[in-house]
């Protein structure tokens, strides 16, 4: 599906461990340089709202799931829940690792999925690769 065929913005769900918020912000800012992208992160949730419902809706309505995999993330029950939900909803999943050593620690559902390094995202070609993977999966 090309950008022209897409009727609305590409909706990205960005999953990460709370302790990796700075790195997630880095990914978010790189992606937002692309036109027609909306990014959902849990930092937009507030304590006064039904955040579980909003989280589920954002995941269901997303076009693409990006997970920031770090040592903290593979220990985070929330990241693993979100990843499992994305997998069960057949969302295209793009894993971004913080360290190359993470490649041996990725959850089972990602064993055959090519990994991107967070440093790769500084290169605009890597962001284009993410979008091309999404379009190929769509």
Protein backbone atom coordinates (compact mmCIF):
# COMPACT_ATOMS: atom_id res chain seq x y z
CA UNK A 1 0.00 0.00 0.00
CA UNK A 2 1.61 3.24 -1.09
CA UNK A 3 1.27 6.62 0.59
CA UNK A 4 -1.11 7.61 -2.20
CA UNK A 5 -3.34 4.59 -1.60
CA UNK A 6 -3.49 5.24 2.14
CA UNK A 7 -6.60 7.28 2.89
CA UNK A 8 -5.39 8.61 6.22
CA UNK A 9 -2.30 8.99 8.30
CA UNK A 10 -0.21 5.96 9.15
CA UNK A 11 -1.05 5.14 12.78
CA UNK A 12 1.94 3.82 14.68
CA UNK A 13 1.78 2.29 18.15
CA UNK A 14 5.17 2.73 19.83
CA UNK A 15 5.71 0.35 22.74
CA UNK A 16 8.55 0.78 25.24
CA UNK A 17 9.45 0.36 28.90
CA UNK A 18 8.86 3.50 30.98
CA UNK A 19 12.54 3.65 31.87
CA UNK A 20 13.35 3.89 28.13
CA UNK A 21 11.24 7.02 27.57
CA UNK A 22 14.19 9.11 26.36
CA UNK A 23 15.05 6.58 23.65
CA UNK A 24 11.37 6.25 22.70
CA UNK A 25 11.21 10.02 22.33
CA UNK A 26 14.19 9.80 19.99
CA UNK A 27 12.34 7.25 17.81
CA UNK A 28 9.17 9.32 17.94
CA UNK A 29 10.93 12.50 16.81
CA UNK A 30 12.62 10.70 13.91
CA UNK A 31 9.34 9.19 12.74
CA UNK A 32 7.45 12.46 13.03
CA UNK A 33 9.77 13.96 10.42
CA UNK A 34 7.87 11.83 7.91
CA UNK A 35 4.59 13.19 6.56
CA UNK A 36 1.25 11.61 7.43
CA UNK A 37 2.30 9.70 10.56
CA UNK A 38 0.48 9.64 13.90
CA UNK A 39 2.24 8.02 16.82
CA UNK A 40 0.55 6.67 19.93
CA UNK A 41 2.62 6.25 23.08
CA UNK A 42 1.46 5.55 26.60
CA UNK A 43 2.84 8.90 27.76
CA UNK A 44 -0.35 10.46 26.37
CA UNK A 45 -2.46 8.55 28.90
CA UNK A 46 -3.55 10.28 32.09
CA UNK A 47 -4.54 8.79 35.42
CA UNK A 48 -8.04 10.27 35.30
CA UNK A 49 -9.15 8.52 32.13
CA UNK A 50 -10.00 4.93 31.26
CA UNK A 51 -6.48 4.30 30.03
CA UNK A 52 -6.92 0.55 29.53
CA UNK A 53 -9.74 1.17 27.07
CA UNK A 54 -7.76 3.90 25.30
CA UNK A 55 -4.70 1.65 25.12
CA UNK A 56 -6.69 -1.22 23.61
CA UNK A 57 -8.40 1.07 21.11
CA UNK A 58 -5.10 2.65 20.03
CA UNK A 59 -3.57 -0.77 19.52
CA UNK A 60 -6.55 -2.07 17.57
CA UNK A 61 -6.65 1.03 15.35
CA UNK A 62 -2.90 1.12 14.70
CA UNK A 63 -1.49 0.22 11.30
CA UNK A 64 2.00 -0.57 12.53
CA UNK A 65 3.49 -1.66 15.86
CA UNK A 66 7.02 -0.57 16.73
CA UNK A 67 8.57 -2.01 19.87
CA UNK A 68 11.71 -0.58 21.47
CA UNK A 69 13.57 -3.61 22.77
CA UNK A 70 15.98 -2.98 25.60
CA UNK A 71 16.97 -4.98 28.68
CA UNK A 72 14.19 -3.10 30.49
CA UNK A 73 11.61 -3.86 27.79
CA UNK A 74 12.12 -7.64 27.79
CA UNK A 75 11.48 -7.54 31.55
CA UNK A 76 8.41 -5.30 31.26
CA UNK A 77 5.08 -7.11 31.51
CA UNK A 78 3.37 -4.19 29.76
CA UNK A 79 5.68 -4.24 26.75
CA UNK A 80 5.25 -8.00 26.47
CA UNK A 81 1.43 -7.68 26.79
CA UNK A 82 1.35 -5.01 24.08
CA UNK A 83 3.63 -7.08 21.86
CA UNK A 84 1.46 -10.16 22.32
CA UNK A 85 -1.67 -8.17 21.53
CA UNK A 86 -0.09 -6.73 18.37
CA UNK A 87 0.98 -10.22 17.32
CA UNK A 88 -2.51 -11.65 17.92
CA UNK A 89 -4.04 -8.77 15.94
CA UNK A 90 -1.65 -9.53 13.05
CA UNK A 91 -0.15 -6.06 13.17
CA UNK A 92 3.10 -5.58 11.27
CA UNK A 93 5.77 -5.48 14.00
CA UNK A 94 9.02 -3.56 13.69
CA UNK A 95 11.47 -4.23 16.55
CA UNK A 96 14.09 -1.58 17.29
CA UNK A 97 16.88 -2.73 19.60
CA UNK A 98 18.90 -0.48 21.88
CA UNK A 99 21.90 -2.82 21.88
CA UNK A 100 23.02 -5.48 19.42
CA UNK A 101 23.19 -7.97 22.31
CA UNK A 102 19.38 -7.76 22.47
CA UNK A 103 19.10 -9.84 19.30
CA UNK A 104 19.53 -13.00 21.40
CA UNK A 105 16.93 -11.88 23.93
CA UNK A 106 14.01 -11.00 21.70
CA UNK A 107 10.65 -12.58 22.47
CA UNK A 108 9.78 -15.71 20.53
CA UNK A 109 7.30 -13.95 18.22
CA UNK A 110 10.13 -11.76 16.89
CA UNK A 111 12.77 -14.44 16.26
CA UNK A 112 12.28 -14.32 12.48
CA UNK A 113 11.68 -10.57 12.17
CA UNK A 114 14.60 -8.38 11.03
CA UNK A 115 15.75 -6.07 13.83
CA UNK A 116 16.69 -2.42 13.49
CA UNK A 117 19.19 -0.72 15.75
CA UNK A 118 18.18 2.57 17.35
CA UNK A 119 21.32 4.09 15.81
CA UNK A 120 20.04 3.05 12.37
CA UNK A 121 17.14 5.45 12.78
CA UNK A 122 19.44 8.43 12.42
CA UNK A 123 19.67 7.40 8.77
CA UNK A 124 16.57 8.41 6.82
CA UNK A 125 16.96 5.24 4.73
CA UNK A 126 16.20 3.19 7.85
CA UNK A 127 12.95 5.08 8.41
CA UNK A 128 12.06 4.48 4.78
CA UNK A 129 12.84 0.80 5.37
CA UNK A 130 10.33 0.75 8.24
CA UNK A 131 7.66 2.28 6.04
CA UNK A 132 8.48 -0.08 3.17
CA UNK A 133 8.17 -3.08 5.52
CA UNK A 134 4.78 -1.82 6.59
CA UNK A 135 3.63 -1.29 3.03
CA UNK A 136 4.85 -4.76 2.06
CA UNK A 137 2.97 -6.33 4.97
CA UNK A 138 -0.23 -4.33 4.34
